[in-house]
Amino acid sequence: MILRDISFIVIARNESFAIEKCLGSIASMPLRECEVICVDSGSTDDTLDVMKGYIGKVQNYSIIRCSGHVNAAVARNIGLRYAAKEYIFFVDGDVELCPDFISESLDKMKSGDAAAVTGRVEEIVYSDDYKQIKKPLSYHRYYPRLTEINWCGGNFIVKSQVREMVGPWDERMVRNQDIDFTLRLHRYGRLLALPVTMCTHHTLTYNERPWLHLKKRIPLCFGMLIRKNLDRPKVALSLLWRNRGFLAGFVVYGLFIVGFLLTGFLSTSFLYTVVAVSFIMIFDLFWGAIRKKNVLNHFVTHYLYVPLIVAGILFDVKHDRPATTVEQIC
């Protein structure tokens, strides 16, 4: 099937290994009257050179380089400035696309069954130098049947007119911006997940991420996500359930507050609270160790993230942002 009238917005930062697979998969597709917009977010490796290597291999191909204040939301918004087709496919630079998914997605949107479509995601996890496979091909996201969903990750195809109704990506959110955007999208139309492989995700282990996210106060974004959807209690609860690892932290902090109040009002011993909290934390960390989780990372995400999540729920995060420089390479 010939694929027509699609704007592929491909974003990447330091993805020289995977972007080759991503653009190679797009170049091999039967595209007609489509465009491919690559946005490089100030890469310091060979990502930009790999992108330049596809000049002339893909029709209606452009490369945008941005620097300064850049994150995934900023990069996608920059790509949208250049997108002019009826359908927009947001693509992370570390995925290898499957054309069968695109053709089935177009059928669903043309028939009016969906405003946007995503699909199954396979995943290969590599060592930091991409020379070894740490985890072989497996499903990162699996849909056993055609399903209407509330949100998805950053790879999906959407009708352009619906995207305009949703508005831009929230550039304050350095994480969970994909969930935020698709939750907003779902207010305007159906988001379908197909039981078809959409892409293969080529990724690293990223064991250092919890500490880095804590330092950068990234858990605020999850709190913002909850706050934005408080008018939809089922959605907010489903977000919490999806990240139920945080529940242990919420229980611990809740017990501390209740124990402190009981100590003041009923003159009970705070020792009982300390014992209960210690038991919960030890059991939670032990259970994580059994499942081969990094214990320190487990502690950070379950207990140190919670105050930042609560702050994101209670307060609107606003900050002055540095400028973003945009340069069109081709």
Foldseek 3Di string as FASTA:
>chain_A
DEDEFEEEEEEEAQQLPQLLLAVVLVLPGRYDHYAYEYEYEPHPDCNVVSLVVCVVSDPNYWYKYKYAQDAPLVSVLVSVVPRDTFKYWYHYSQKHFDVVQSVVQVVCVVVVNWQKEAEWEWEWAAAPVNPGTPRDIDTPGADQAKDWDQFDDRTMMGGPVLLVVLPGFDSVQNPCSRRLSSNSSVVPITYIYHRDYGIYGYYYPPLVPLVVCLVVLNLLNLLLSLQVCVVPVVVSVVSCVVVVLLVLQVVLVVLQVVLVVCCVPVVDDSVVSVVVNVVSLVVSLVVCVVVVHDSVSSCSSRHVSVVSSNVSNVDPDDDDGIDMDMDIPD
